Amino acid sequence: MARLTTHILDTAQGRPAANVRIQLFRLLADGGRMLLADLHSNQDGRTDEPLLDGDAIAVGPYELLFHMGDYFTLHYVGLADPSFLDQVPVRFAIAETGGHYHVPLLASPWAYSTYRGS
């Protein structure tokens, strides 16, 4: 089944990042964006359901916006104010509507990375 999923790992503490706000946008040709989902990660750092699935998946560009600043402030003592990372955008494209796209975020207060998972 076609679907888009994500999860967040706190690489500095070696655990999932829970209760992080995640927004999914469809990027528009005019430079704008359309909000498709606005939710929070669960205790496993995942969403309770796919961000998109089935017919909701369309070919084109998207953005996941991970609101990491509040999470870092809550879980780390002595961070600079403002913190180095706040909102982390990940832009990607869906090229086939029948596949599973998994876009995880591996993050610490000072760095992040992503990849296309399975």
C-alpha atoms as a PDB file:
ATOM      1  CA  MET A   1       0.000   0.000   0.000  1.00  0.00           C
ATOM      2  CA  ALA A   2       1.262   3.471  -0.862  1.00  0.00           C
ATOM      3  CA  ARG A   3       2.066   5.610   2.150  1.00  0.00           C
ATOM      4  CA  LEU A   4       4.301   8.341   3.565  1.00  0.00           C
ATOM      5  CA  THR A   5       5.679   7.849   7.069  1.00  0.00           C
ATOM      6  CA  THR A   6       8.283   9.440   9.320  1.00  0.00           C
ATOM      7  CA  HIS A   7       9.934   9.074  12.687  1.00  0.00           C
ATOM      8  CA  ILE A   8      12.331  11.159  14.771  1.00  0.00           C
ATOM      9  CA  LEU A   9      15.362   9.877  16.630  1.00  0.00           C
ATOM     10  CA  ASP A  10      17.245  11.959  19.187  1.00  0.00           C
ATOM     11  CA  THR A  11      20.754  10.856  18.268  1.00  0.00           C
ATOM     12  CA  ALA A  12      22.452  12.583  21.209  1.00  0.00           C
ATOM     13  CA  GLN A  13      20.337  10.704  23.751  1.00  0.00           C
ATOM     14  CA  GLY A  14      19.824   7.529  21.742  1.00  0.00           C
ATOM     15  CA  ARG A  15      16.040   7.496  21.947  1.00  0.00           C
ATOM     16  CA  PRO A  16      12.918   8.401  19.974  1.00  0.00           C
ATOM     17  CA  ALA A  17      11.836  12.040  20.119  1.00  0.00           C
ATOM     18  CA  ALA A  18       8.287  12.105  21.497  1.00  0.00           C
ATOM     19  CA  ASN A  19       5.707  14.888  21.303  1.00  0.00           C
ATOM     20  CA  VAL A  20       7.384  16.808  18.490  1.00  0.00           C
ATOM     21  CA  ARG A  21       5.089  18.817  16.226  1.00  0.00           C
ATOM     22  CA  ILE A  22       5.331  17.695  12.593  1.00  0.00           C
ATOM     23  CA  GLN A  23       3.765  19.538   9.667  1.00  0.00           C
ATOM     24  CA  LEU A  24       3.510  18.177   6.138  1.00  0.00           C
ATOM     25  CA  PHE A  25       3.167  20.601   3.220  1.00  0.00           C
ATOM     26  CA  ARG A  26       2.632  20.100  -0.495  1.00  0.00           C
ATOM     27  CA  LEU A  27       4.914  22.569  -2.334  1.00  0.00           C
ATOM     28  CA  LEU A  28       3.065  24.516  -5.025  1.00  0.00           C
ATOM     29  CA  ALA A  29       4.281  25.668  -8.429  1.00  0.00           C
ATOM     30  CA  ASP A  30       3.823  29.334  -7.461  1.00  0.00           C
ATOM     31  CA  GLY A  31       6.293  28.969  -4.574  1.00  0.00           C
ATOM     32  CA  GLY A  32       3.611  28.601  -1.932  1.00  0.00           C
ATOM     33  CA  ARG A  33       2.765  25.571   0.124  1.00  0.00           C
ATOM     34  CA  MET A  34      -0.404  23.817   1.237  1.00  0.00           C
ATOM     35  CA  LEU A  35      -0.706  22.267   4.701  1.00  0.00           C
ATOM     36  CA  LEU A  36      -1.691  18.589   4.470  1.00  0.00           C
ATOM     37  CA  ALA A  37      -1.080  17.375   8.035  1.00  0.00           C
ATOM     38  CA  ASP A  38      -0.291  18.847  11.447  1.00  0.00           C
ATOM     39  CA  LEU A  39       0.367  16.334  14.226  1.00  0.00           C
ATOM     40  CA  HIS A  40       2.784  15.200  16.943  1.00  0.00           C
ATOM     41  CA  SER A  41       5.145  12.267  17.280  1.00  0.00           C
ATOM     42  CA  ASN A  42       4.198   9.523  19.723  1.00  0.00           C
ATOM     43  CA  GLN A  43       6.399   7.805  22.353  1.00  0.00           C
ATOM     44  CA  ASP A  44       8.175   5.868  19.580  1.00  0.00           C
ATOM     45  CA  GLY A  45       8.994   9.104  17.734  1.00  0.00           C
ATOM     46  CA  ARG A  46       6.529   8.092  15.003  1.00  0.00           C
ATOM     47  CA  THR A  47       3.084   9.253  14.002  1.00  0.00           C
ATOM     48  CA  ASP A  48       0.120   7.077  14.945  1.00  0.00           C
ATOM     49  CA  GLU A  49      -0.921   6.859  11.313  1.00  0.00           C
ATOM     50  CA  PRO A  50       0.750   7.531   7.953  1.00  0.00           C
ATOM     51  CA  LEU A  51       1.137  11.174   6.959  1.00  0.00           C
ATOM     52  CA  LEU A  52      -0.382  10.264   3.587  1.00  0.00           C
ATOM     53  CA  ASP A  53      -1.717   7.025   2.199  1.00  0.00           C
ATOM     54  CA  GLY A  54      -3.651   5.590  -0.711  1.00  0.00           C
ATOM     55  CA  ASP A  55      -5.154   8.131  -3.100  1.00  0.00           C
ATOM     56  CA  ALA A  56      -3.887  11.071  -1.020  1.00  0.00           C
ATOM     57  CA  ILE A  57      -0.360  10.476  -2.334  1.00  0.00           C
ATOM     58  CA  ALA A  58       0.492  12.488  -5.442  1.00  0.00           C
ATOM     59  CA  VAL A  59       3.684  12.881  -7.451  1.00  0.00           C
ATOM     60  CA  GLY A  60       5.469  16.120  -6.639  1.00  0.00           C
ATOM     61  CA  PRO A  61       7.444  18.087  -4.061  1.00  0.00           C
ATOM     62  CA  TYR A  62       6.714  18.107  -0.325  1.00  0.00           C
ATOM     63  CA  GLU A  63       8.127  19.538   2.883  1.00  0.00           C
ATOM     64  CA  LEU A  64       8.166  18.043   6.342  1.00  0.00           C
ATOM     65  CA  LEU A  65       8.662  20.670   9.032  1.00  0.00           C
ATOM     66  CA  PHE A  66       9.863  19.265  12.346  1.00  0.00           C
ATOM     67  CA  HIS A  67       9.449  21.704  15.263  1.00  0.00           C
ATOM     68  CA  MET A  68      12.478  20.550  17.266  1.00  0.00           C
ATOM     69  CA  GLY A  69      13.159  23.690  19.344  1.00  0.00           C
ATOM     70  CA  ASP A  70      10.604  22.982  22.076  1.00  0.00           C
ATOM     71  CA  TYR A  71      11.755  19.363  22.318  1.00  0.00           C
ATOM     72  CA  PHE A  72      15.396  20.409  22.732  1.00  0.00           C
ATOM     73  CA  THR A  73      14.518  23.053  25.343  1.00  0.00           C
ATOM     74  CA  LEU A  74      12.583  20.455  27.353  1.00  0.00           C
ATOM     75  CA  HIS A  75      15.196  17.681  27.191  1.00  0.00           C
ATOM     76  CA  TYR A  76      18.535  19.523  27.283  1.00  0.00           C
ATOM     77  CA  VAL A  77      19.884  21.761  30.044  1.00  0.00           C
ATOM     78  CA  GLY A  78      22.167  24.668  29.237  1.00  0.00           C
ATOM     79  CA  LEU A  79      21.399  25.152  25.557  1.00  0.00           C
ATOM     80  CA  ALA A  80      22.000  28.573  24.082  1.00  0.00           C
ATOM     81  CA  ASP A  81      18.952  30.830  23.851  1.00  0.00           C
ATOM     82  CA  PRO A  82      17.903  30.858  21.107  1.00  0.00           C
ATOM     83  CA  SER A  83      18.886  27.288  20.369  1.00  0.00           C
ATOM     84  CA  PHE A  84      20.955  26.474  17.283  1.00  0.00           C
ATOM     85  CA  LEU A  85      18.144  24.404  15.702  1.00  0.00           C
ATOM     86  CA  ASP A  86      14.470  25.257  15.973  1.00  0.00           C
ATOM     87  CA  GLN A  87      12.388  24.272  12.959  1.00  0.00           C
ATOM     88  CA  VAL A  88      13.985  21.662  10.712  1.00  0.00           C
ATOM     89  CA  PRO A  89      12.607  21.567   7.137  1.00  0.00           C
ATOM     90  CA  VAL A  90      13.098  18.495   4.971  1.00  0.00           C
ATOM     91  CA  ARG A  91      12.154  18.928   1.316  1.00  0.00           C
ATOM     92  CA  PHE A  92      11.714  15.835  -0.829  1.00  0.00           C
ATOM     93  CA  ALA A  93       9.729  14.617  -3.825  1.00  0.00           C
ATOM     94  CA  ILE A  94       7.451  11.678  -4.425  1.00  0.00           C
ATOM     95  CA  ALA A  95       8.070  10.164  -7.853  1.00  0.00           C
ATOM     96  CA  GLU A  96       5.813   7.107  -7.699  1.00  0.00           C
ATOM     97  CA  THR A  97       2.409   6.934  -6.050  1.00  0.00           C
ATOM     98  CA  GLY A  98       2.507   3.197  -5.425  1.00  0.00           C
ATOM     99  CA  GLY A  99       5.532   3.095  -3.138  1.00  0.00           C
ATOM    100  CA  HIS A 100       6.271   3.513   0.535  1.00  0.00           C
ATOM    101  CA  TYR A 101       8.182   6.698   1.303  1.00  0.00           C
ATOM    102  CA  HIS A 102       9.700   6.815   4.769  1.00  0.00           C
ATOM    103  CA  VAL A 103      11.454  10.097   5.646  1.00  0.00           C
ATOM    104  CA  PRO A 104      13.022   9.912   9.118  1.00  0.00           C
ATOM    105  CA  LEU A 105      14.805  12.691  10.987  1.00  0.00           C
ATOM    106  CA  LEU A 106      17.897  11.937  13.048  1.00  0.00           C
ATOM    107  CA  ALA A 107      18.553  14.991  15.197  1.00  0.00           C
ATOM    108  CA  SER A 108      20.486  16.462  18.076  1.00  0.00           C
ATOM    109  CA  PRO A 109      20.504  20.082  19.259  1.00  0.00           C
ATOM    110  CA  TRP A 110      23.464  20.730  16.927  1.00  0.00           C
ATOM    111  CA  ALA A 111      22.932  18.599  13.794  1.00  0.00           C
ATOM    112  CA  TYR A 112      20.418  16.588  11.799  1.00  0.00           C
ATOM    113  CA  SER A 113      20.254  14.205   8.856  1.00  0.00           C
ATOM    114  CA  THR A 114      17.635  12.337   6.890  1.00  0.00           C
ATOM    115  CA  TYR A 115      17.356   9.630   4.248  1.00  0.00           C
ATOM    116  CA  ARG A 116      14.758   7.714   2.295  1.00  0.00           C
ATOM    117  CA  GLY A 117      13.997   4.687   4.388  1.00  0.00           C
ATOM    118  CA  SER A 118      11.856   1.676   3.701  1.00  0.00           C
END
